[in-house]
Amino acid sequence: MPGLPTMLHAGRKRPSVLSGLVLSAFLTGCASTPSSTASDAPATSGGARALLASHRTEKVRSYEHEIKTPDGGTQWQRVEWGWDYTDAVAYEFITDLQGVEIEFNQLPGITLKPTEKEMAKAVAMVKAYPELASTAATPGAYFEGGFILMEPNHAVCHLKSRCVYVLASTDHGRNKIIQAIVDLQTEQMVDPNWDPSMIGSQ
């Protein structure tokens, strides 16, 4: 495993930073160390918990794990990963099992899978888009997606975006009828007809 950044304790893992098409909807969340560096969150008198409570956030994943401490002992931690819509950035919030804050990082460039709530919103945006509304209403249409698009130089889907692919099909997935990209961060349609060559029976 690559050397961990100094902001990480031994044994900690983060999701990897990937550009382009990311199959993050199906990742467990434990991946390689990102190449970007965590940034300090804005200072608040109430700590990270107060900061998150004052922002519009979406918790993506949380879990507990045991790590080794520098003195040779061990400590159980609770780790939360989420997306901060107020600051347009992923975050990592770590406490002990009693809720005492240990560390909080904002993580520019980190991709996190969309939650069911976020995917429902993305699908609703596609269904409401005038160019796609009639196709989206096709009987038997099945919607899926969850791929995250994040590229540093993309006009919309840059490092402060929450761009999600939304796919629709019929005939048990064999007939693709919609492939779109929406940005949940700015609530806009990015591309209603991504890769037209994929539309139709496969």
C-alpha atoms as a PDB file:
ATOM      1  CA  MET A   1       0.000   0.000   0.000  1.00  0.00           C
ATOM      2  CA  PRO A   2       1.377   3.473  -0.792  1.00  0.00           C
ATOM      3  CA  GLY A   3       2.557   5.638   2.062  1.00  0.00           C
ATOM      4  CA  LEU A   4      -0.284   7.379   3.813  1.00  0.00           C
ATOM      5  CA  PRO A   5      -0.456  11.191   3.914  1.00  0.00           C
ATOM      6  CA  THR A   6       0.536  12.668   7.240  1.00  0.00           C
ATOM      7  CA  MET A   7      -3.074  13.689   7.903  1.00  0.00           C
ATOM      8  CA  LEU A   8      -4.066  10.011   7.995  1.00  0.00           C
ATOM      9  CA  HIS A   9      -3.578   7.649  10.893  1.00  0.00           C
ATOM     10  CA  ALA A  10      -2.138   4.229  10.138  1.00  0.00           C
ATOM     11  CA  GLY A  11      -4.797   1.812   9.062  1.00  0.00           C
ATOM     12  CA  ARG A  12      -7.101   4.454   7.602  1.00  0.00           C
ATOM     13  CA  LYS A  13      -8.326   4.182   4.017  1.00  0.00           C
ATOM     14  CA  ARG A  14      -9.954   6.650   1.673  1.00  0.00           C
ATOM     15  CA  PRO A  15     -11.704   6.335  -1.668  1.00  0.00           C
ATOM     16  CA  SER A  16      -9.433   6.871  -4.641  1.00  0.00           C
ATOM     17  CA  VAL A  17      -9.326   9.983  -6.796  1.00  0.00           C
ATOM     18  CA  LEU A  18     -10.316   9.042 -10.348  1.00  0.00           C
ATOM     19  CA  SER A  19     -10.848  11.287 -13.361  1.00  0.00           C
ATOM     20  CA  GLY A  20     -13.376  10.533 -16.051  1.00  0.00           C
ATOM     21  CA  LEU A  21     -15.865   7.680 -15.723  1.00  0.00           C
ATOM     22  CA  VAL A  22     -15.878   6.312 -12.186  1.00  0.00           C
ATOM     23  CA  LEU A  23     -17.823   3.254 -11.184  1.00  0.00           C
ATOM     24  CA  SER A  24     -18.238   4.631  -7.700  1.00  0.00           C
ATOM     25  CA  ALA A  25     -21.803   3.470  -7.311  1.00  0.00           C
ATOM     26  CA  PHE A  26     -20.522  -0.049  -6.800  1.00  0.00           C
ATOM     27  CA  LEU A  27     -17.401   0.615  -4.773  1.00  0.00           C
ATOM     28  CA  THR A  28     -17.284  -0.287  -1.112  1.00  0.00           C
ATOM     29  CA  GLY A  29     -15.513   2.955  -0.278  1.00  0.00           C
ATOM     30  CA  CYS A  30     -12.169   1.388   0.664  1.00  0.00           C
ATOM     31  CA  ALA A  31      -9.673   2.075  -2.102  1.00  0.00           C
ATOM     32  CA  SER A  32      -6.198   3.414  -2.679  1.00  0.00           C
ATOM     33  CA  THR A  33      -4.812   6.589  -1.209  1.00  0.00           C
ATOM     34  CA  PRO A  34      -5.787   9.663  -3.276  1.00  0.00           C
ATOM     35  CA  SER A  35      -3.207  11.804  -4.998  1.00  0.00           C
ATOM     36  CA  SER A  36      -4.876  15.022  -3.862  1.00  0.00           C
ATOM     37  CA  THR A  37      -4.220  16.459  -0.429  1.00  0.00           C
ATOM     38  CA  ALA A  38      -6.919  16.922   2.174  1.00  0.00           C
ATOM     39  CA  SER A  39      -7.607  20.539   3.037  1.00  0.00           C
ATOM     40  CA  ASP A  40      -8.447  21.968   6.406  1.00  0.00           C
ATOM     41  CA  ALA A  41     -12.130  22.659   6.878  1.00  0.00           C
ATOM     42  CA  PRO A  42     -13.232  26.229   7.648  1.00  0.00           C
ATOM     43  CA  ALA A  43     -12.722  26.954  11.324  1.00  0.00           C
ATOM     44  CA  THR A  44     -15.804  27.059  13.520  1.00  0.00           C
ATOM     45  CA  SER A  45     -16.180  27.618  17.231  1.00  0.00           C
ATOM     46  CA  GLY A  46     -18.451  24.575  17.501  1.00  0.00           C
ATOM     47  CA  GLY A  47     -16.164  22.141  15.695  1.00  0.00           C
ATOM     48  CA  ALA A  48     -16.787  19.926  12.695  1.00  0.00           C
ATOM     49  CA  ARG A  49     -20.167  18.681  13.878  1.00  0.00           C
ATOM     50  CA  ALA A  50     -21.477  22.247  14.113  1.00  0.00           C
ATOM     51  CA  LEU A  51     -20.022  23.053  10.697  1.00  0.00           C
ATOM     52  CA  LEU A  52     -21.743  20.099   9.050  1.00  0.00           C
ATOM     53  CA  ALA A  53     -25.019  20.875  10.799  1.00  0.00           C
ATOM     54  CA  SER A  54     -24.938  24.406   9.351  1.00  0.00           C
ATOM     55  CA  HIS A  55     -24.272  23.156   5.805  1.00  0.00           C
ATOM     56  CA  ARG A  56     -26.363  21.211   3.306  1.00  0.00           C
ATOM     57  CA  THR A  57     -24.716  17.806   3.294  1.00  0.00           C
ATOM     58  CA  GLU A  58     -25.390  14.257   2.186  1.00  0.00           C
ATOM     59  CA  LYS A  59     -23.850  11.416   4.181  1.00  0.00           C
ATOM     60  CA  VAL A  60     -22.694   8.750   1.741  1.00  0.00           C
ATOM     61  CA  ARG A  61     -21.138   6.131   3.983  1.00  0.00           C
ATOM     62  CA  SER A  62     -20.139   5.501   7.582  1.00  0.00           C
ATOM     63  CA  TYR A  63     -18.411   2.648   9.336  1.00  0.00           C
ATOM     64  CA  GLU A  64     -16.371   1.755  12.414  1.00  0.00           C
ATOM     65  CA  HIS A  65     -12.856   0.386  12.463  1.00  0.00           C
ATOM     66  CA  GLU A  66      -9.965  -0.217  14.828  1.00  0.00           C
ATOM     67  CA  ILE A  67      -6.594   1.426  14.189  1.00  0.00           C
ATOM     68  CA  LYS A  68      -3.171   1.291  15.730  1.00  0.00           C
ATOM     69  CA  THR A  69      -2.080   4.379  17.660  1.00  0.00           C
ATOM     70  CA  PRO A  70       1.480   5.792  17.726  1.00  0.00           C
ATOM     71  CA  ASP A  71       1.970   4.524  21.285  1.00  0.00           C
ATOM     72  CA  GLY A  72       1.374   0.926  20.186  1.00  0.00           C
ATOM     73  CA  GLY A  73      -2.190   0.715  21.400  1.00  0.00           C
ATOM     74  CA  THR A  74      -5.436   0.566  19.466  1.00  0.00           C
ATOM     75  CA  GLN A  75      -8.461   2.810  19.103  1.00  0.00           C
ATOM     76  CA  TRP A  76     -11.917   2.282  17.639  1.00  0.00           C
ATOM     77  CA  GLN A  77     -13.096   5.080  15.368  1.00  0.00           C
ATOM     78  CA  ARG A  78     -16.292   5.975  13.562  1.00  0.00           C
ATOM     79  CA  VAL A  79     -15.670   7.346  10.057  1.00  0.00           C
ATOM     80  CA  GLU A  80     -18.196   9.252   7.963  1.00  0.00           C
ATOM     81  CA  TRP A  81     -17.786  10.206   4.313  1.00  0.00           C
ATOM     82  CA  GLY A  82     -20.177  12.609   2.632  1.00  0.00           C
ATOM     83  CA  TRP A  83     -20.687  15.433   0.186  1.00  0.00           C
ATOM     84  CA  ASP A  84     -20.938  19.036   1.385  1.00  0.00           C
ATOM     85  CA  TYR A  85     -23.191  20.882  -1.059  1.00  0.00           C
ATOM     86  CA  THR A  86     -22.522  24.196   0.670  1.00  0.00           C
ATOM     87  CA  ASP A  87     -18.777  24.040   0.012  1.00  0.00           C
ATOM     88  CA  ALA A  88     -19.030  21.713  -3.033  1.00  0.00           C
ATOM     89  CA  VAL A  89     -16.525  19.205  -1.704  1.00  0.00           C
ATOM     90  CA  ALA A  90     -16.326  15.719  -0.233  1.00  0.00           C
ATOM     91  CA  TYR A  91     -15.590  15.430   3.468  1.00  0.00           C
ATOM     92  CA  GLU A  92     -14.323  12.927   6.005  1.00  0.00           C
ATOM     93  CA  PHE A  93     -15.399  13.187   9.652  1.00  0.00           C
ATOM     94  CA  ILE A  94     -13.848  10.949  12.291  1.00  0.00           C
ATOM     95  CA  THR A  95     -14.864  10.520  15.923  1.00  0.00           C
ATOM     96  CA  ASP A  96     -14.330   7.936  18.615  1.00  0.00           C
ATOM     97  CA  LEU A  97     -17.238   5.672  19.505  1.00  0.00           C
ATOM     98  CA  GLN A  98     -18.382   8.151  22.151  1.00  0.00           C
ATOM     99  CA  GLY A  99     -18.718  10.875  19.526  1.00  0.00           C
ATOM    100  CA  VAL A 100     -15.633  12.865  20.495  1.00  0.00           C
ATOM    101  CA  GLU A 101     -14.243  14.569  17.383  1.00  0.00           C
ATOM    102  CA  ILE A 102     -10.850  13.322  16.212  1.00  0.00           C
ATOM    103  CA  GLU A 103     -10.383  14.715  12.719  1.00  0.00           C
ATOM    104  CA  PHE A 104     -12.263  16.490   9.939  1.00  0.00           C
ATOM    105  CA  ASN A 105     -10.998  16.919   6.383  1.00  0.00           C
ATOM    106  CA  GLN A 106     -12.409  18.384   3.216  1.00  0.00           C
ATOM    107  CA  LEU A 107     -11.241  16.276   0.284  1.00  0.00           C
ATOM    108  CA  PRO A 108     -11.141  18.114  -3.069  1.00  0.00           C
ATOM    109  CA  GLY A 109     -11.189  15.771  -6.042  1.00  0.00           C
ATOM    110  CA  ILE A 110     -12.593  12.763  -4.183  1.00  0.00           C
ATOM    111  CA  THR A 111     -15.487  10.978  -5.899  1.00  0.00           C
ATOM    112  CA  LEU A 112     -18.189   9.389  -3.757  1.00  0.00           C
ATOM    113  CA  LYS A 113     -21.069   7.278  -4.993  1.00  0.00           C
ATOM    114  CA  PRO A 114     -24.456   9.028  -5.007  1.00  0.00           C
ATOM    115  CA  THR A 115     -26.964   7.990  -2.365  1.00  0.00           C
ATOM    116  CA  GLU A 116     -30.413   6.638  -3.205  1.00  0.00           C
ATOM    117  CA  LYS A 117     -31.812  10.091  -2.433  1.00  0.00           C
ATOM    118  CA  GLU A 118     -29.355  11.745  -4.830  1.00  0.00           C
ATOM    119  CA  MET A 119     -30.058   9.205  -7.582  1.00  0.00           C
ATOM    120  CA  ALA A 120     -33.794   9.772  -7.190  1.00  0.00           C
ATOM    121  CA  LYS A 121     -33.192  13.481  -7.694  1.00  0.00           C
ATOM    122  CA  ALA A 122     -30.989  12.853 -10.731  1.00  0.00           C
ATOM    123  CA  VAL A 123     -33.652  10.650 -12.323  1.00  0.00           C
ATOM    124  CA  ALA A 124     -36.313  13.275 -11.581  1.00  0.00           C
ATOM    125  CA  MET A 125     -34.172  15.902 -13.333  1.00  0.00           C
ATOM    126  CA  VAL A 126     -33.932  13.694 -16.411  1.00  0.00           C
ATOM    127  CA  LYS A 127     -37.668  13.010 -16.442  1.00  0.00           C
ATOM    128  CA  ALA A 128     -38.410  16.736 -16.168  1.00  0.00           C
ATOM    129  CA  TYR A 129     -35.989  17.781 -18.912  1.00  0.00           C
ATOM    130  CA  PRO A 130     -38.091  18.833 -21.961  1.00  0.00           C
ATOM    131  CA  GLU A 131     -35.920  17.065 -24.529  1.00  0.00           C
ATOM    132  CA  LEU A 132     -36.105  13.770 -22.613  1.00  0.00           C
ATOM    133  CA  ALA A 133     -39.538  13.888 -20.966  1.00  0.00           C
ATOM    134  CA  SER A 134     -41.442  11.885 -23.591  1.00  0.00           C
ATOM    135  CA  THR A 135     -38.727   9.223 -23.868  1.00  0.00           C
ATOM    136  CA  ALA A 136     -38.447   8.984 -20.094  1.00  0.00           C
ATOM    137  CA  ALA A 137     -42.178   8.265 -19.949  1.00  0.00           C
ATOM    138  CA  THR A 138     -41.787   5.151 -22.126  1.00  0.00           C
ATOM    139  CA  PRO A 139     -43.743   2.270 -20.527  1.00  0.00           C
ATOM    140  CA  GLY A 140     -41.407  -0.151 -18.814  1.00  0.00           C
ATOM    141  CA  ALA A 141     -38.457   2.234 -18.796  1.00  0.00           C
ATOM    142  CA  TYR A 142     -35.925   1.246 -16.151  1.00  0.00           C
ATOM    143  CA  PHE A 143     -33.578   3.903 -14.736  1.00  0.00           C
ATOM    144  CA  GLU A 144     -30.167   3.268 -13.279  1.00  0.00           C
ATOM    145  CA  GLY A 145     -26.782   4.954 -13.049  1.00  0.00           C
ATOM    146  CA  GLY A 146     -24.572   6.233 -10.293  1.00  0.00           C
ATOM    147  CA  PHE A 147     -21.364   6.676 -12.250  1.00  0.00           C
ATOM    148  CA  ILE A 148     -19.603   9.878 -11.180  1.00  0.00           C
ATOM    149  CA  LEU A 149     -17.959  12.139 -13.760  1.00  0.00           C
ATOM    150  CA  MET A 150     -15.316  14.467 -12.317  1.00  0.00           C
ATOM    151  CA  GLU A 151     -12.500  15.896 -14.420  1.00  0.00           C
ATOM    152  CA  PRO A 152     -10.275  18.821 -13.356  1.00  0.00           C
ATOM    153  CA  ASN A 153     -10.675  20.747 -16.611  1.00  0.00           C
ATOM    154  CA  HIS A 154     -14.272  19.900 -17.455  1.00  0.00           C
ATOM    155  CA  ALA A 155     -16.446  22.975 -18.008  1.00  0.00           C
ATOM    156  CA  VAL A 156     -19.159  21.726 -15.643  1.00  0.00           C
ATOM    157  CA  CYS A 157     -18.071  18.407 -14.153  1.00  0.00           C
ATOM    158  CA  HIS A 158     -14.946  19.792 -12.493  1.00  0.00           C
ATOM    159  CA  LEU A 159     -13.625  19.121  -8.981  1.00  0.00           C
ATOM    160  CA  LYS A 160     -16.463  21.047  -7.322  1.00  0.00           C
ATOM    161  CA  SER A 161     -19.222  19.239  -9.213  1.00  0.00           C
ATOM    162  CA  ARG A 162     -21.507  16.326  -8.396  1.00  0.00           C
ATOM    163  CA  CYS A 163     -22.085  15.008 -11.918  1.00  0.00           C
ATOM    164  CA  VAL A 164     -23.980  11.733 -12.179  1.00  0.00           C
ATOM    165  CA  TYR A 165     -24.768   9.514 -15.161  1.00  0.00           C
ATOM    166  CA  VAL A 166     -28.422   8.525 -15.549  1.00  0.00           C
ATOM    167  CA  LEU A 167     -29.235   5.644 -17.871  1.00  0.00           C
ATOM    168  CA  ALA A 168     -32.664   4.387 -18.957  1.00  0.00           C
ATOM    169  CA  SER A 169     -33.500   1.247 -20.885  1.00  0.00           C
ATOM    170  CA  THR A 170     -36.265  -1.147 -21.812  1.00  0.00           C
ATOM    171  CA  ASP A 171     -36.316  -4.863 -22.628  1.00  0.00           C
ATOM    172  CA  HIS A 172     -34.378  -5.781 -19.486  1.00  0.00           C
ATOM    173  CA  GLY A 173     -31.555  -3.382 -20.301  1.00  0.00           C
ATOM    174  CA  ARG A 174     -31.058  -4.509 -23.873  1.00  0.00           C
ATOM    175  CA  ASN A 175     -32.575  -1.374 -25.422  1.00  0.00           C
ATOM    176  CA  LYS A 176     -30.925   1.852 -24.234  1.00  0.00           C
ATOM    177  CA  ILE A 177     -33.221   4.853 -24.578  1.00  0.00           C
ATOM    178  CA  ILE A 178     -31.501   7.543 -22.464  1.00  0.00           C
ATOM    179  CA  GLN A 179     -27.922   8.273 -21.432  1.00  0.00           C
ATOM    180  CA  ALA A 180     -27.634  11.621 -19.722  1.00  0.00           C
ATOM    181  CA  ILE A 181     -25.381  13.449 -17.281  1.00  0.00           C
ATOM    182  CA  VAL A 182     -26.739  15.820 -14.635  1.00  0.00           C
ATOM    183  CA  ASP A 183     -24.910  17.903 -12.066  1.00  0.00           C
ATOM    184  CA  LEU A 184     -26.564  17.670  -8.664  1.00  0.00           C
ATOM    185  CA  GLN A 185     -24.336  20.435  -7.291  1.00  0.00           C
ATOM    186  CA  THR A 186     -25.688  23.100  -9.675  1.00  0.00           C
ATOM    187  CA  GLU A 187     -28.935  21.239 -10.457  1.00  0.00           C
ATOM    188  CA  GLN A 188     -28.434  21.460 -14.209  1.00  0.00           C
ATOM    189  CA  MET A 189     -28.510  19.113 -17.172  1.00  0.00           C
ATOM    190  CA  VAL A 190     -24.949  18.676 -18.429  1.00  0.00           C
ATOM    191  CA  ASP A 191     -25.527  16.411 -21.438  1.00  0.00           C
ATOM    192  CA  PRO A 192     -28.951  14.973 -22.334  1.00  0.00           C
ATOM    193  CA  ASN A 193     -27.515  12.746 -25.054  1.00  0.00           C
ATOM    194  CA  TRP A 194     -24.189  11.420 -23.885  1.00  0.00           C
ATOM    195  CA  ASP A 195     -22.688   8.895 -26.352  1.00  0.00           C
ATOM    196  CA  PRO A 196     -25.543   8.634 -28.890  1.00  0.00           C
ATOM    197  CA  SER A 197     -23.912   5.507 -30.362  1.00  0.00           C
ATOM    198  CA  MET A 198     -25.069   3.571 -27.307  1.00  0.00           C
ATOM    199  CA  ILE A 199     -28.742   4.383 -27.816  1.00  0.00           C
ATOM    200  CA  GLY A 200     -30.844   1.541 -29.210  1.00  0.00           C
ATOM    201  CA  SER A 201     -30.711  -2.235 -28.980  1.00  0.00           C
ATOM    202  CA  GLN A 202     -27.405  -3.734 -27.929  1.00  0.00           C
END
